[in-house]
């Protein structure tokens, strides 16, 4: 299992909390997270999709091996920004940051 430098309270799947973070980043109120139960619920205004699922110890071990081998240079060449998570239970916040900086929402930061 991965060992992180710090641990946050697990808040990853709370859209209200993450929407508060979006406001704190300066995004407009019309940029918001909402729960969807199926991909069919998405529309043309969707900027990112965050999938929340339970993770097992086996998933953690596999992820650690894959991350150790991963080179993010290809993603950066495509203009995709990536921040490595090194804080336990911060996956929702990191997903939110990735969703914002890798979508058109990045142009709205600080324009609320």
PDB file of N, CA and C in Angstrom:
ATOM      1  N   UNK A   1       0.822  -1.185   0.000  1.00  0.00           N
ATOM      2  CA  UNK A   1       0.000   0.000   0.000  1.00  0.00           C
ATOM      3  C   UNK A   1       0.866   1.248   0.000  1.00  0.00           C
ATOM      4  N   UNK A   2       0.319   2.286  -0.622  1.00  0.00           N
ATOM      5  CA  UNK A   2       1.060   3.543  -0.685  1.00  0.00           C
ATOM      6  C   UNK A   2       1.104   4.185   0.692  1.00  0.00           C
ATOM      7  N   UNK A   3       2.220   4.794   0.999  1.00  0.00           N
ATOM      8  CA  UNK A   3       2.359   5.541   2.236  1.00  0.00           C
ATOM      9  C   UNK A   3       2.469   7.012   1.865  1.00  0.00           C
ATOM     10  N   UNK A   4       1.557   7.802   2.372  1.00  0.00           N
ATOM     11  CA  UNK A   4       1.534   9.217   2.044  1.00  0.00           C
ATOM     12  C   UNK A   4       2.097  10.031   3.196  1.00  0.00           C
ATOM     13  N   UNK A   5       2.478  11.261   2.864  1.00  0.00           N
ATOM     14  CA  UNK A   5       3.062  12.153   3.847  1.00  0.00           C
ATOM     15  C   UNK A   5       2.038  12.641   4.868  1.00  0.00           C
ATOM     16  N   UNK A   6       0.793  12.731   4.455  1.00  0.00           N
ATOM     17  CA  UNK A   6      -0.228  13.315   5.309  1.00  0.00           C
ATOM     18  C   UNK A   6      -1.556  12.629   5.026  1.00  0.00           C
ATOM     19  N   UNK A   7      -2.554  12.891   5.854  1.00  0.00           N
ATOM     20  CA  UNK A   7      -3.873  12.289   5.685  1.00  0.00           C
ATOM     21  C   UNK A   7      -4.929  13.361   5.899  1.00  0.00           C
ATOM     22  N   UNK A   8      -5.905  13.401   5.004  1.00  0.00           N
ATOM     23  CA  UNK A   8      -7.027  14.318   5.131  1.00  0.00           C
ATOM     24  C   UNK A   8      -8.266  13.538   5.527  1.00  0.00           C
ATOM     25  N   UNK A   9      -9.260  14.231   6.086  1.00  0.00           N
ATOM     26  CA  UNK A   9     -10.529  13.532   6.341  1.00  0.00           C
ATOM     27  C   UNK A   9     -11.138  13.122   4.999  1.00  0.00           C
ATOM     28  N   UNK A  10     -11.726  11.929   4.875  1.00  0.00           N
ATOM     29  CA  UNK A  10     -12.283  11.485   3.593  1.00  0.00           C
ATOM     30  C   UNK A  10     -13.553  12.261   3.230  1.00  0.00           C
ATOM     31  N   UNK A  11     -13.456  13.138   2.250  1.00  0.00           N
ATOM     32  CA  UNK A  11     -14.577  13.960   1.804  1.00  0.00           C
ATOM     33  C   UNK A  11     -14.806  13.822   0.303  1.00  0.00           C
ATOM     34  N   UNK A  12     -14.196  12.832  -0.317  1.00  0.00           N
ATOM     35  CA  UNK A  12     -14.097  12.737  -1.771  1.00  0.00           C
ATOM     36  C   UNK A  12     -15.426  12.751  -2.513  1.00  0.00           C
ATOM     37  N   UNK A  13     -16.488  12.222  -1.944  1.00  0.00           N
ATOM     38  CA  UNK A  13     -17.717  12.084  -2.721  1.00  0.00           C
ATOM     39  C   UNK A  13     -18.809  13.067  -2.305  1.00  0.00           C
ATOM     40  N   UNK A  14     -18.458  14.135  -1.665  1.00  0.00           N
ATOM     41  CA  UNK A  14     -19.447  15.113  -1.227  1.00  0.00           C
ATOM     42  C   UNK A  14     -19.483  16.290  -2.209  1.00  0.00           C
ATOM     43  N   UNK A  15     -20.444  16.310  -3.163  1.00  0.00           N
ATOM     44  CA  UNK A  15     -20.485  17.392  -4.148  1.00  0.00           C
ATOM     45  C   UNK A  15     -20.617  18.776  -3.530  1.00  0.00           C
ATOM     46  N   UNK A  16     -21.359  18.913  -2.427  1.00  0.00           N
ATOM     47  CA  UNK A  16     -21.512  20.225  -1.800  1.00  0.00           C
ATOM     48  C   UNK A  16     -20.173  20.763  -1.312  1.00  0.00           C
ATOM     49  N   UNK A  17     -19.378  19.896  -0.681  1.00  0.00           N
ATOM     50  CA  UNK A  17     -18.065  20.310  -0.197  1.00  0.00           C
ATOM     51  C   UNK A  17     -17.164  20.676  -1.377  1.00  0.00           C
ATOM     52  N   UNK A  18     -17.184  19.864  -2.427  1.00  0.00           N
ATOM     53  CA  UNK A  18     -16.337  20.139  -3.585  1.00  0.00           C
ATOM     54  C   UNK A  18     -16.796  21.391  -4.326  1.00  0.00           C
ATOM     55  N   UNK A  19     -18.103  21.662  -4.361  1.00  0.00           N
ATOM     56  CA  UNK A  19     -18.588  22.908  -4.961  1.00  0.00           C
ATOM     57  C   UNK A  19     -18.111  24.121  -4.170  1.00  0.00           C
ATOM     58  N   UNK A  20     -18.044  23.980  -2.850  1.00  0.00           N
ATOM     59  CA  UNK A  20     -17.491  25.055  -2.023  1.00  0.00           C
ATOM     60  C   UNK A  20     -16.032  25.307  -2.391  1.00  0.00           C
ATOM     61  N   UNK A  21     -15.281  24.234  -2.646  1.00  0.00           N
ATOM     62  CA  UNK A  21     -13.890  24.395  -3.086  1.00  0.00           C
ATOM     63  C   UNK A  21     -13.820  25.083  -4.440  1.00  0.00           C
ATOM     64  N   UNK A  22     -14.739  24.750  -5.349  1.00  0.00           N
ATOM     65  CA  UNK A  22     -14.774  25.417  -6.652  1.00  0.00           C
ATOM     66  C   UNK A  22     -14.968  26.920  -6.480  1.00  0.00           C
ATOM     67  N   UNK A  23     -15.890  27.312  -5.595  1.00  0.00           N
ATOM     68  CA  UNK A  23     -16.114  28.743  -5.337  1.00  0.00           C
ATOM     69  C   UNK A  23     -14.836  29.371  -4.771  1.00  0.00           C
ATOM     70  N   UNK A  24     -14.150  28.642  -3.880  1.00  0.00           N
ATOM     71  CA  UNK A  24     -12.905  29.135  -3.302  1.00  0.00           C
ATOM     72  C   UNK A  24     -11.809  29.306  -4.336  1.00  0.00           C
ATOM     73  N   UNK A  25     -11.864  28.514  -5.416  1.00  0.00           N
ATOM     74  CA  UNK A  25     -10.900  28.649  -6.502  1.00  0.00           C
ATOM     75  C   UNK A  25     -11.260  29.830  -7.402  1.00  0.00           C
ATOM     76  N   UNK A  26     -12.427  30.416  -7.154  1.00  0.00           N
ATOM     77  CA  UNK A  26     -12.845  31.570  -7.932  1.00  0.00           C
ATOM     78  C   UNK A  26     -13.697  31.229  -9.134  1.00  0.00           C
ATOM     79  N   UNK A  27     -14.175  29.987  -9.248  1.00  0.00           N
ATOM     80  CA  UNK A  27     -15.002  29.636 -10.387  1.00  0.00           C
ATOM     81  C   UNK A  27     -16.424  30.143 -10.205  1.00  0.00           C
ATOM     82  N   UNK A  28     -17.074  30.406 -11.305  1.00  0.00           N
ATOM     83  CA  UNK A  28     -18.437  30.934 -11.297  1.00  0.00           C
ATOM     84  C   UNK A  28     -19.409  29.902 -10.723  1.00  0.00           C
ATOM     85  N   UNK A  29     -20.514  30.377 -10.123  1.00  0.00           N
ATOM     86  CA  UNK A  29     -21.509  29.456  -9.554  1.00  0.00           C
ATOM     87  C   UNK A  29     -22.096  28.480 -10.570  1.00  0.00           C
ATOM     88  N   UNK A  30     -22.094  28.815 -11.869  1.00  0.00           N
ATOM     89  CA  UNK A  30     -22.655  27.880 -12.853  1.00  0.00           C
ATOM     90  C   UNK A  30     -21.701  26.725 -13.166  1.00  0.00           C
ATOM     91  N   UNK A  31     -20.454  26.786 -12.680  1.00  0.00           N
ATOM     92  CA  UNK A  31     -19.539  25.655 -12.769  1.00  0.00           C
ATOM     93  C   UNK A  31     -19.695  24.889 -11.463  1.00  0.00           C
ATOM     94  N   UNK A  32     -20.263  23.699 -11.543  1.00  0.00           N
ATOM     95  CA  UNK A  32     -20.548  22.960 -10.320  1.00  0.00           C
ATOM     96  C   UNK A  32     -20.517  21.459 -10.546  1.00  0.00           C
ATOM     97  N   UNK A  33     -20.329  20.753  -9.456  1.00  0.00           N
ATOM     98  CA  UNK A  33     -20.395  19.298  -9.482  1.00  0.00           C
ATOM     99  C   UNK A  33     -21.813  18.869  -9.180  1.00  0.00           C
ATOM    100  N   UNK A  34     -22.196  17.767  -9.800  1.00  0.00           N
ATOM    101  CA  UNK A  34     -23.496  17.180  -9.485  1.00  0.00           C
ATOM    102  C   UNK A  34     -23.374  15.672  -9.599  1.00  0.00           C
ATOM    103  N   UNK A  35     -24.179  14.976  -8.830  1.00  0.00           N
ATOM    104  CA  UNK A  35     -24.198  13.518  -8.876  1.00  0.00           C
ATOM    105  C   UNK A  35     -24.922  13.065 -10.133  1.00  0.00           C
ATOM    106  N   UNK A  36     -24.364  12.079 -10.798  1.00  0.00           N
ATOM    107  CA  UNK A  36     -25.047  11.418 -11.912  1.00  0.00           C
ATOM    108  C   UNK A  36     -25.008   9.921 -11.646  1.00  0.00           C
ATOM    109  N   UNK A  37     -26.043   9.244 -12.051  1.00  0.00           N
ATOM    110  CA  UNK A  37     -26.109   7.798 -11.813  1.00  0.00           C
ATOM    111  C   UNK A  37     -25.759   6.992 -13.054  1.00  0.00           C
ATOM    112  N   UNK A  38     -25.714   7.645 -14.215  1.00  0.00           N
ATOM    113  CA  UNK A  38     -25.386   6.946 -15.460  1.00  0.00           C
ATOM    114  C   UNK A  38     -24.732   7.931 -16.418  1.00  0.00           C
ATOM    115  N   UNK A  39     -23.922   7.430 -17.304  1.00  0.00           N
ATOM    116  CA  UNK A  39     -23.240   8.282 -18.269  1.00  0.00           C
ATOM    117  C   UNK A  39     -24.264   8.969 -19.171  1.00  0.00           C
ATOM    118  N   UNK A  40     -25.418   8.374 -19.321  1.00  0.00           N
ATOM    119  CA  UNK A  40     -26.483   8.983 -20.118  1.00  0.00           C
ATOM    120  C   UNK A  40     -26.978  10.291 -19.511  1.00  0.00           C
ATOM    121  N   UNK A  41     -26.702  10.514 -18.211  1.00  0.00           N
ATOM    122  CA  UNK A  41     -27.124  11.738 -17.529  1.00  0.00           C
ATOM    123  C   UNK A  41     -26.222  12.929 -17.865  1.00  0.00           C
ATOM    124  N   UNK A  42     -25.108  12.685 -18.541  1.00  0.00           N
ATOM    125  CA  UNK A  42     -24.182  13.762 -18.900  1.00  0.00           C
ATOM    126  C   UNK A  42     -24.739  14.534 -20.088  1.00  0.00           C
ATOM    127  N   UNK A  43     -24.359  15.816 -20.187  1.00  0.00           N
ATOM    128  CA  UNK A  43     -24.790  16.616 -21.327  1.00  0.00           C
ATOM    129  C   UNK A  43     -23.595  17.388 -21.890  1.00  0.00           C
ATOM    130  N   UNK A  44     -23.849  18.247 -22.869  1.00  0.00           N
ATOM    131  CA  UNK A  44     -22.769  18.972 -23.542  1.00  0.00           C
ATOM    132  C   UNK A  44     -22.029  19.943 -22.629  1.00  0.00           C
ATOM    133  N   UNK A  45     -22.613  20.286 -21.495  1.00  0.00           N
ATOM    134  CA  UNK A  45     -21.943  21.213 -20.575  1.00  0.00           C
ATOM    135  C   UNK A  45     -20.982  20.499 -19.625  1.00  0.00           C
ATOM    136  N   UNK A  46     -20.915  19.165 -19.694  1.00  0.00           N
ATOM    137  CA  UNK A  46     -20.038  18.397 -18.806  1.00  0.00           C
ATOM    138  C   UNK A  46     -18.586  18.653 -19.168  1.00  0.00           C
ATOM    139  N   UNK A  47     -17.795  19.075 -18.167  1.00  0.00           N
ATOM    140  CA  UNK A  47     -16.376  19.350 -18.376  1.00  0.00           C
ATOM    141  C   UNK A  47     -15.489  18.203 -17.932  1.00  0.00           C
ATOM    142  N   UNK A  48     -15.934  17.457 -16.932  1.00  0.00           N
ATOM    143  CA  UNK A  48     -15.121  16.362 -16.391  1.00  0.00           C
ATOM    144  C   UNK A  48     -16.048  15.376 -15.690  1.00  0.00           C
ATOM    145  N   UNK A  49     -15.555  14.170 -15.537  1.00  0.00           N
ATOM    146  CA  UNK A  49     -16.306  13.131 -14.842  1.00  0.00           C
ATOM    147  C   UNK A  49     -15.409  12.558 -13.756  1.00  0.00           C
ATOM    148  N   UNK A  50     -15.875  12.605 -12.531  1.00  0.00           N
ATOM    149  CA  UNK A  50     -15.146  12.033 -11.403  1.00  0.00           C
ATOM    150  C   UNK A  50     -15.892  10.776 -10.981  1.00  0.00           C
ATOM    151  N   UNK A  51     -15.207   9.656 -11.025  1.00  0.00           N
ATOM    152  CA  UNK A  51     -15.824   8.386 -10.657  1.00  0.00           C
ATOM    153  C   UNK A  51     -15.335   7.999  -9.273  1.00  0.00           C
ATOM    154  N   UNK A  52     -16.265   7.773  -8.369  1.00  0.00           N
ATOM    155  CA  UNK A  52     -15.932   7.401  -6.996  1.00  0.00           C
ATOM    156  C   UNK A  52     -16.290   5.929  -6.811  1.00  0.00           C
ATOM    157  N   UNK A  53     -15.317   5.143  -6.367  1.00  0.00           N
ATOM    158  CA  UNK A  53     -15.554   3.719  -6.142  1.00  0.00           C
ATOM    159  C   UNK A  53     -14.678   3.248  -4.982  1.00  0.00           C
ATOM    160  N   UNK A  54     -15.119   2.213  -4.285  1.00  0.00           N
ATOM    161  CA  UNK A  54     -14.314   1.700  -3.171  1.00  0.00           C
ATOM    162  C   UNK A  54     -13.053   1.015  -3.696  1.00  0.00           C
ATOM    163  N   UNK A  55     -11.975   1.159  -2.974  1.00  0.00           N
ATOM    164  CA  UNK A  55     -10.690   0.596  -3.385  1.00  0.00           C
ATOM    165  C   UNK A  55     -10.250  -0.449  -2.380  1.00  0.00           C
ATOM    166  N   UNK A  56      -9.756  -1.560  -2.891  1.00  0.00           N
ATOM    167  CA  UNK A  56      -9.279  -2.627  -2.012  1.00  0.00           C
ATOM    168  C   UNK A  56      -7.770  -2.520  -1.821  1.00  0.00           C
ATOM    169  N   UNK A  57      -7.223  -3.317  -0.922  1.00  0.00           N
ATOM    170  CA  UNK A  57      -5.769  -3.348  -0.709  1.00  0.00           C
ATOM    171  C   UNK A  57      -5.063  -3.807  -1.984  1.00  0.00           C
ATOM    172  N   UNK A  58      -5.680  -4.736  -2.730  1.00  0.00           N
ATOM    173  CA  UNK A  58      -5.099  -5.186  -3.998  1.00  0.00           C
ATOM    174  C   UNK A  58      -5.043  -4.038  -5.003  1.00  0.00           C
ATOM    175  N   UNK A  59      -6.106  -3.209  -5.040  1.00  0.00           N
ATOM    176  CA  UNK A  59      -6.110  -2.054  -5.936  1.00  0.00           C
ATOM    177  C   UNK A  59      -4.963  -1.117  -5.590  1.00  0.00           C
ATOM    178  N   UNK A  60      -4.761  -0.878  -4.301  1.00  0.00           N
ATOM    179  CA  UNK A  60      -3.679   0.007  -3.848  1.00  0.00           C
ATOM    180  C   UNK A  60      -2.316  -0.520  -4.277  1.00  0.00           C
ATOM    181  N   UNK A  61      -2.114  -1.828  -4.139  1.00  0.00           N
ATOM    182  CA  UNK A  61      -0.829  -2.428  -4.511  1.00  0.00           C
ATOM    183  C   UNK A  61      -0.601  -2.318  -6.015  1.00  0.00           C
ATOM    184  N   UNK A  62      -1.617  -2.612  -6.804  1.00  0.00           N
ATOM    185  CA  UNK A  62      -1.506  -2.509  -8.265  1.00  0.00           C
ATOM    186  C   UNK A  62      -1.232  -1.071  -8.670  1.00  0.00           C
ATOM    187  N   UNK A  63      -1.945  -0.131  -8.051  1.00  0.00           N
ATOM    188  CA  UNK A  63      -1.763   1.290  -8.367  1.00  0.00           C
ATOM    189  C   UNK A  63      -0.341   1.736  -8.049  1.00  0.00           C
ATOM    190  N   UNK A  64       0.207   1.276  -6.941  1.00  0.00           N
ATOM    191  CA  UNK A  64       1.569   1.662  -6.563  1.00  0.00           C
ATOM    192  C   UNK A  64       2.577   1.169  -7.594  1.00  0.00           C
ATOM    193  N   UNK A  65       2.393  -0.052  -8.088  1.00  0.00           N
ATOM    194  CA  UNK A  65       3.294  -0.599  -9.111  1.00  0.00           C
ATOM    195  C   UNK A  65       3.165   0.211 -10.401  1.00  0.00           C
ATOM    196  N   UNK A  66       1.925   0.468 -10.816  1.00  0.00           N
ATOM    197  CA  UNK A  66       1.706   1.202 -12.062  1.00  0.00           C
ATOM    198  C   UNK A  66       2.238   2.631 -11.968  1.00  0.00           C
ATOM    199  N   UNK A  67       2.013   3.285 -10.840  1.00  0.00           N
ATOM    200  CA  UNK A  67       2.501   4.657 -10.673  1.00  0.00           C
ATOM    201  C   UNK A  67       4.019   4.718 -10.713  1.00  0.00           C
ATOM    202  N   UNK A  68       4.662   3.701 -10.164  1.00  0.00           N
ATOM    203  CA  UNK A  68       6.122   3.666 -10.169  1.00  0.00           C
ATOM    204  C   UNK A  68       6.692   3.575 -11.568  1.00  0.00           C
ATOM    205  N   UNK A  69       5.918   3.030 -12.495  1.00  0.00           N
ATOM    206  CA  UNK A  69       6.367   2.850 -13.872  1.00  0.00           C
ATOM    207  C   UNK A  69       5.877   3.956 -14.802  1.00  0.00           C
ATOM    208  N   UNK A  70       4.965   4.777 -14.333  1.00  0.00           N
ATOM    209  CA  UNK A  70       4.304   5.751 -15.198  1.00  0.00           C
ATOM    210  C   UNK A  70       5.192   6.961 -15.454  1.00  0.00           C
ATOM    211  N   UNK A  71       5.211   7.366 -16.715  1.00  0.00           N
ATOM    212  CA  UNK A  71       5.910   8.582 -17.128  1.00  0.00           C
ATOM    213  C   UNK A  71       4.834   9.537 -17.644  1.00  0.00           C
ATOM    214  N   UNK A  72       4.695  10.674 -17.016  1.00  0.00           N
ATOM    215  CA  UNK A  72       3.627  11.608 -17.381  1.00  0.00           C
ATOM    216  C   UNK A  72       4.019  12.528 -18.530  1.00  0.00           C
ATOM    217  N   UNK A  73       5.168  12.285 -19.159  1.00  0.00           N
ATOM    218  CA  UNK A  73       5.635  13.143 -20.245  1.00  0.00           C
ATOM    219  C   UNK A  73       4.670  13.130 -21.429  1.00  0.00           C
ATOM    220  N   UNK A  74       4.111  11.959 -21.751  1.00  0.00           N
ATOM    221  CA  UNK A  74       3.182  11.873 -22.879  1.00  0.00           C
ATOM    222  C   UNK A  74       1.940  12.722 -22.636  1.00  0.00           C
ATOM    223  N   UNK A  75       1.402  12.666 -21.438  1.00  0.00           N
ATOM    224  CA  UNK A  75       0.233  13.477 -21.101  1.00  0.00           C
ATOM    225  C   UNK A  75       0.570  14.957 -21.207  1.00  0.00           C
ATOM    226  N   UNK A  76       1.736  15.340 -20.714  1.00  0.00           N
ATOM    227  CA  UNK A  76       2.141  16.743 -20.777  1.00  0.00           C
ATOM    228  C   UNK A  76       2.304  17.203 -22.218  1.00  0.00           C
ATOM    229  N   UNK A  77       2.788  16.319 -23.104  1.00  0.00           N
ATOM    230  CA  UNK A  77       2.904  16.665 -24.519  1.00  0.00           C
ATOM    231  C   UNK A  77       1.544  16.951 -25.137  1.00  0.00           C
ATOM    232  N   UNK A  78       0.502  16.307 -24.622  1.00  0.00           N
ATOM    233  CA  UNK A  78      -0.860  16.521 -25.106  1.00  0.00           C
ATOM    234  C   UNK A  78      -1.523  17.708 -24.423  1.00  0.00           C
ATOM    235  N   UNK A  79      -0.817  18.365 -23.515  1.00  0.00           N
ATOM    236  CA  UNK A  79      -1.368  19.509 -22.806  1.00  0.00           C
ATOM    237  C   UNK A  79      -2.165  19.138 -21.573  1.00  0.00           C
ATOM    238  N   UNK A  80      -2.080  17.889 -21.129  1.00  0.00           N
ATOM    239  CA  UNK A  80      -2.791  17.456 -19.928  1.00  0.00           C
ATOM    240  C   UNK A  80      -1.886  17.677 -18.730  1.00  0.00           C
ATOM    241  N   UNK A  81      -2.392  18.364 -17.737  1.00  0.00           N
ATOM    242  CA  UNK A  81      -1.628  18.618 -16.517  1.00  0.00           C
ATOM    243  C   UNK A  81      -1.965  17.550 -15.484  1.00  0.00           C
ATOM    244  N   UNK A  82      -0.960  17.139 -14.733  1.00  0.00           N
ATOM    245  CA  UNK A  82      -1.147  16.091 -13.739  1.00  0.00           C
ATOM    246  C   UNK A  82      -0.383  16.445 -12.474  1.00  0.00           C
ATOM    247  N   UNK A  83      -1.058  16.327 -11.341  1.00  0.00           N
ATOM    248  CA  UNK A  83      -0.428  16.505 -10.038  1.00  0.00           C
ATOM    249  C   UNK A  83      -0.493  15.179  -9.299  1.00  0.00           C
ATOM    250  N   UNK A  84       0.630  14.686  -8.869  1.00  0.00           N
ATOM    251  CA  UNK A  84       0.675  13.417  -8.138  1.00  0.00           C
ATOM    252  C   UNK A  84       0.111  13.614  -6.736  1.00  0.00           C
ATOM    253  N   UNK A  85      -0.798  12.745  -6.365  1.00  0.00           N
ATOM    254  CA  UNK A  85      -1.399  12.802  -5.034  1.00  0.00           C
ATOM    255  C   UNK A  85      -0.443  12.169  -4.035  1.00  0.00           C
ATOM    256  N   UNK A  86      -0.080  12.908  -3.002  1.00  0.00           N
ATOM    257  CA  UNK A  86       0.773  12.353  -1.954  1.00  0.00           C
ATOM    258  C   UNK A  86       0.176  12.601  -0.570  1.00  0.00           C
ATOM    259  N   UNK A  87      -1.137  12.768  -0.558  1.00  0.00           N
ATOM    260  CA  UNK A  87      -1.885  12.959   0.691  1.00  0.00           C
ATOM    261  C   UNK A  87      -3.010  11.937   0.690  1.00  0.00           C
ATOM    262  N   UNK A  88      -3.082  11.109   1.713  1.00  0.00           N
ATOM    263  CA  UNK A  88      -4.114  10.088   1.790  1.00  0.00           C
ATOM    264  C   UNK A  88      -5.491  10.741   1.911  1.00  0.00           C
ATOM    265  N   UNK A  89      -6.485  10.162   1.253  1.00  0.00           N
ATOM    266  CA  UNK A  89      -7.880  10.612   1.278  1.00  0.00           C
ATOM    267  C   UNK A  89      -8.087  11.969   0.610  1.00  0.00           C
ATOM    268  N   UNK A  90      -7.182  12.391  -0.244  1.00  0.00           N
ATOM    269  CA  UNK A  90      -7.327  13.666  -0.952  1.00  0.00           C
ATOM    270  C   UNK A  90      -7.751  13.449  -2.400  1.00  0.00           C
ATOM    271  N   UNK A  91      -8.220  12.247  -2.734  1.00  0.00           N
ATOM    272  CA  UNK A  91      -8.506  11.928  -4.132  1.00  0.00           C
ATOM    273  C   UNK A  91      -9.593  12.818  -4.728  1.00  0.00           C
ATOM    274  N   UNK A  92     -10.618  13.154  -3.961  1.00  0.00           N
ATOM    275  CA  UNK A  92     -11.676  14.024  -4.480  1.00  0.00           C
ATOM    276  C   UNK A  92     -11.155  15.403  -4.822  1.00  0.00           C
ATOM    277  N   UNK A  93     -10.322  15.959  -3.962  1.00  0.00           N
ATOM    278  CA  UNK A  93      -9.757  17.282  -4.207  1.00  0.00           C
ATOM    279  C   UNK A  93      -8.830  17.244  -5.418  1.00  0.00           C
ATOM    280  N   UNK A  94      -8.010  16.211  -5.521  1.00  0.00           N
ATOM    281  CA  UNK A  94      -7.114  16.089  -6.669  1.00  0.00           C
ATOM    282  C   UNK A  94      -7.915  15.883  -7.953  1.00  0.00           C
ATOM    283  N   UNK A  95      -8.983  15.096  -7.901  1.00  0.00           N
ATOM    284  CA  UNK A  95      -9.835  14.911  -9.078  1.00  0.00           C
ATOM    285  C   UNK A  95     -10.455  16.236  -9.498  1.00  0.00           C
ATOM    286  N   UNK A  96     -10.891  17.023  -8.522  1.00  0.00           N
ATOM    287  CA  UNK A  96     -11.471  18.331  -8.798  1.00  0.00           C
ATOM    288  C   UNK A  96     -10.447  19.247  -9.470  1.00  0.00           C
ATOM    289  N   UNK A  97      -9.248  19.296  -8.936  1.00  0.00           N
ATOM    290  CA  UNK A  97      -8.189  20.130  -9.514  1.00  0.00           C
ATOM    291  C   UNK A  97      -7.892  19.679 -10.941  1.00  0.00           C
ATOM    292  N   UNK A  98      -7.752  18.365 -11.145  1.00  0.00           N
ATOM    293  CA  UNK A  98      -7.480  17.856 -12.495  1.00  0.00           C
ATOM    294  C   UNK A  98      -8.623  18.193 -13.452  1.00  0.00           C
ATOM    295  N   UNK A  99      -9.857  18.071 -12.981  1.00  0.00           N
ATOM    296  CA  UNK A  99     -11.005  18.390 -13.822  1.00  0.00           C
ATOM    297  C   UNK A  99     -11.030  19.842 -14.238  1.00  0.00           C
ATOM    298  N   UNK A 100     -10.654  20.729 -13.330  1.00  0.00           N
ATOM    299  CA  UNK A 100     -10.651  22.160 -13.634  1.00  0.00           C
ATOM    300  C   UNK A 100      -9.504  22.525 -14.572  1.00  0.00           C
ATOM    301  N   UNK A 101      -8.284  22.120 -14.224  1.00  0.00           N
ATOM    302  CA  UNK A 101      -7.135  22.580 -15.021  1.00  0.00           C
ATOM    303  C   UNK A 101      -7.036  21.910 -16.387  1.00  0.00           C
ATOM    304  N   UNK A 102      -7.733  20.803 -16.589  1.00  0.00           N
ATOM    305  CA  UNK A 102      -7.698  20.117 -17.878  1.00  0.00           C
ATOM    306  C   UNK A 102      -8.981  20.303 -18.676  1.00  0.00           C
ATOM    307  N   UNK A 103      -9.744  21.339 -18.345  1.00  0.00           N
ATOM    308  CA  UNK A 103     -10.979  21.636 -19.083  1.00  0.00           C
ATOM    309  C   UNK A 103     -11.058  23.148 -19.303  1.00  0.00           C
ATOM    310  N   UNK A 104     -12.098  23.563 -19.972  1.00  0.00           N
ATOM    311  CA  UNK A 104     -12.308  24.989 -20.206  1.00  0.00           C
ATOM    312  C   UNK A 104     -12.558  25.782 -18.938  1.00  0.00           C
ATOM    313  N   UNK A 105     -12.853  25.088 -17.835  1.00  0.00           N
ATOM    314  CA  UNK A 105     -13.093  25.782 -16.563  1.00  0.00           C
ATOM    315  C   UNK A 105     -11.853  26.539 -16.096  1.00  0.00           C
ATOM    316  N   UNK A 106     -10.670  26.111 -16.530  1.00  0.00           N
ATOM    317  CA  UNK A 106      -9.433  26.784 -16.105  1.00  0.00           C
ATOM    318  C   UNK A 106      -9.437  28.254 -16.505  1.00  0.00           C
ATOM    319  N   UNK A 107     -10.175  28.579 -17.577  1.00  0.00           N
ATOM    320  CA  UNK A 107     -10.230  29.965 -18.035  1.00  0.00           C
ATOM    321  C   UNK A 107     -11.107  30.836 -17.125  1.00  0.00           C
ATOM    322  N   UNK A 108     -11.881  30.216 -16.254  1.00  0.00           N
ATOM    323  CA  UNK A 108     -12.768  30.952 -15.359  1.00  0.00           C
ATOM    324  C   UNK A 108     -12.205  31.140 -13.960  1.00  0.00           C
ATOM    325  N   UNK A 109     -11.032  30.595 -13.679  1.00  0.00           N
ATOM    326  CA  UNK A 109     -10.455  30.714 -12.338  1.00  0.00           C
ATOM    327  C   UNK A 109     -10.233  32.192 -12.021  1.00  0.00           C
ATOM    328  N   UNK A 110     -10.784  32.613 -10.898  1.00  0.00           N
ATOM    329  CA  UNK A 110     -10.600  34.002 -10.446  1.00  0.00           C
ATOM    330  C   UNK A 110     -11.524  34.996 -11.125  1.00  0.00           C
ATOM    331  N   UNK A 111     -12.506  34.538 -11.896  1.00  0.00           N
ATOM    332  CA  UNK A 111     -13.398  35.443 -12.609  1.00  0.00           C
ATOM    333  C   UNK A 111     -14.810  35.454 -12.045  1.00  0.00           C
ATOM    334  N   UNK A 112     -14.965  35.006 -10.795  1.00  0.00           N
ATOM    335  CA  UNK A 112     -16.321  34.952 -10.230  1.00  0.00           C
ATOM    336  C   UNK A 112     -16.800  36.331  -9.855  1.00  0.00           C
TER     337      UNK A 112
END
